[in-house]
Amino acid sequence: MHSVRMARERVGNLALSSSYVKHGVADIPAFLEALDALLDATSPHGPVEMRYATRAIAWRVHG
C-alpha cells in the first residue's frame, strides 16, 4: 500500500479530475461544499492521507 499526504486543495483537484465527478455530478459547487464538510469533520487540522493499492492483471494476447 502506498500513501500520499494531500492538502485540502489537492484533494478537491483530484476529485474534480475524476471522470465520475466531471460527468456524473450535476452541481459541482454543492459537491465541493460537501467535500469541504467531510474534510472538516475528518481532517480538521491538516492534510489528508490518501492510501492507494494497485492491482495488476495480465494475460497473453494471441493474434
C-alpha atoms as a PDB file:
ATOM      1  CA  MET A   1       0.000   0.000   0.000  1.00  0.00           C
ATOM      2  CA  HIS A   2       1.216   3.469  -0.886  1.00  0.00           C
ATOM      3  CA  SER A   3       0.103   6.685   0.779  1.00  0.00           C
ATOM      4  CA  VAL A   4       0.279  10.338  -0.213  1.00  0.00           C
ATOM      5  CA  ARG A   5      -0.386  13.271   2.097  1.00  0.00           C
ATOM      6  CA  MET A   6      -2.566  15.831   0.352  1.00  0.00           C
ATOM      7  CA  ALA A   7      -3.636  19.337   1.246  1.00  0.00           C
ATOM      8  CA  ARG A   8      -7.347  20.101   1.004  1.00  0.00           C
ATOM      9  CA  GLU A   9      -6.936  21.892  -2.338  1.00  0.00           C
ATOM     10  CA  ARG A  10      -5.182  18.883  -3.843  1.00  0.00           C
ATOM     11  CA  VAL A  11      -7.967  16.555  -2.663  1.00  0.00           C
ATOM     12  CA  GLY A  12     -10.514  18.807  -4.360  1.00  0.00           C
ATOM     13  CA  ASN A  13      -8.493  18.942  -7.568  1.00  0.00           C
ATOM     14  CA  LEU A  14      -8.109  15.165  -7.555  1.00  0.00           C
ATOM     15  CA  ALA A  15     -11.857  14.733  -7.141  1.00  0.00           C
ATOM     16  CA  LEU A  16     -12.594  17.181  -9.956  1.00  0.00           C
ATOM     17  CA  SER A  17     -10.197  15.379 -12.282  1.00  0.00           C
ATOM     18  CA  SER A  18     -12.098  12.107 -11.882  1.00  0.00           C
ATOM     19  CA  SER A  19     -14.394  11.276 -14.778  1.00  0.00           C
ATOM     20  CA  TYR A  20     -17.200  10.123 -12.479  1.00  0.00           C
ATOM     21  CA  VAL A  21     -17.262  13.591 -10.893  1.00  0.00           C
ATOM     22  CA  LYS A  22     -16.801  15.520 -14.151  1.00  0.00           C
ATOM     23  CA  HIS A  23     -19.547  13.617 -15.918  1.00  0.00           C
ATOM     24  CA  GLY A  24     -21.691  12.390 -13.044  1.00  0.00           C
ATOM     25  CA  VAL A  25     -22.107  15.320 -10.654  1.00  0.00           C
ATOM     26  CA  ALA A  26     -24.688  17.895 -11.719  1.00  0.00           C
ATOM     27  CA  ASP A  27     -23.889  20.519  -9.060  1.00  0.00           C
ATOM     28  CA  ILE A  28     -20.105  20.846  -8.710  1.00  0.00           C
ATOM     29  CA  PRO A  29     -20.210  23.759  -6.192  1.00  0.00           C
ATOM     30  CA  ALA A  30     -22.508  21.726  -3.896  1.00  0.00           C
ATOM     31  CA  PHE A  31     -20.217  18.711  -4.301  1.00  0.00           C
ATOM     32  CA  LEU A  32     -17.188  20.795  -3.268  1.00  0.00           C
ATOM     33  CA  GLU A  33     -19.087  22.183  -0.260  1.00  0.00           C
ATOM     34  CA  ALA A  34     -19.935  18.629   0.819  1.00  0.00           C
ATOM     35  CA  LEU A  35     -16.309  17.592   0.317  1.00  0.00           C
ATOM     36  CA  ASP A  36     -15.162  20.521   2.483  1.00  0.00           C
ATOM     37  CA  ALA A  37     -17.647  19.494   5.185  1.00  0.00           C
ATOM     38  CA  LEU A  38     -16.329  15.934   5.066  1.00  0.00           C
ATOM     39  CA  LEU A  39     -12.737  17.151   5.359  1.00  0.00           C
ATOM     40  CA  ASP A  40     -13.708  19.491   8.221  1.00  0.00           C
ATOM     41  CA  ALA A  41     -15.189  16.522  10.076  1.00  0.00           C
ATOM     42  CA  THR A  42     -12.408  14.034   9.387  1.00  0.00           C
ATOM     43  CA  SER A  43      -9.216  16.096   8.992  1.00  0.00           C
ATOM     44  CA  PRO A  44      -9.745  19.491  10.600  1.00  0.00           C
ATOM     45  CA  HIS A  45      -6.076  20.103  11.427  1.00  0.00           C
ATOM     46  CA  GLY A  46      -4.206  19.313   8.274  1.00  0.00           C
ATOM     47  CA  PRO A  47      -3.594  17.203   5.252  1.00  0.00           C
ATOM     48  CA  VAL A  48      -5.432  14.066   4.287  1.00  0.00           C
ATOM     49  CA  GLU A  49      -3.578  10.787   3.880  1.00  0.00           C
ATOM     50  CA  MET A  50      -4.730   9.143   0.660  1.00  0.00           C
ATOM     51  CA  ARG A  51      -3.944   5.421   0.565  1.00  0.00           C
ATOM     52  CA  TYR A  52      -3.564   3.642  -2.742  1.00  0.00           C
ATOM     53  CA  ALA A  53      -3.408  -0.043  -3.530  1.00  0.00           C
ATOM     54  CA  THR A  54      -2.539  -1.121  -7.052  1.00  0.00           C
ATOM     55  CA  ARG A  55      -3.508  -4.437  -8.537  1.00  0.00           C
ATOM     56  CA  ALA A  56      -2.335  -5.607 -11.913  1.00  0.00           C
ATOM     57  CA  ILE A  57      -3.963  -8.246 -14.049  1.00  0.00           C
ATOM     58  CA  ALA A  58      -2.114  -9.536 -17.079  1.00  0.00           C
ATOM     59  CA  TRP A  59      -2.728 -12.114 -19.750  1.00  0.00           C
ATOM     60  CA  ARG A  60      -1.251 -13.084 -23.061  1.00  0.00           C
ATOM     61  CA  VAL A  61      -2.968 -11.812 -26.185  1.00  0.00           C
ATOM     62  CA  HIS A  62      -2.748 -14.118 -29.173  1.00  0.00           C
ATOM     63  CA  GLY A  63      -3.104 -12.720 -32.579  1.00  0.00           C
END
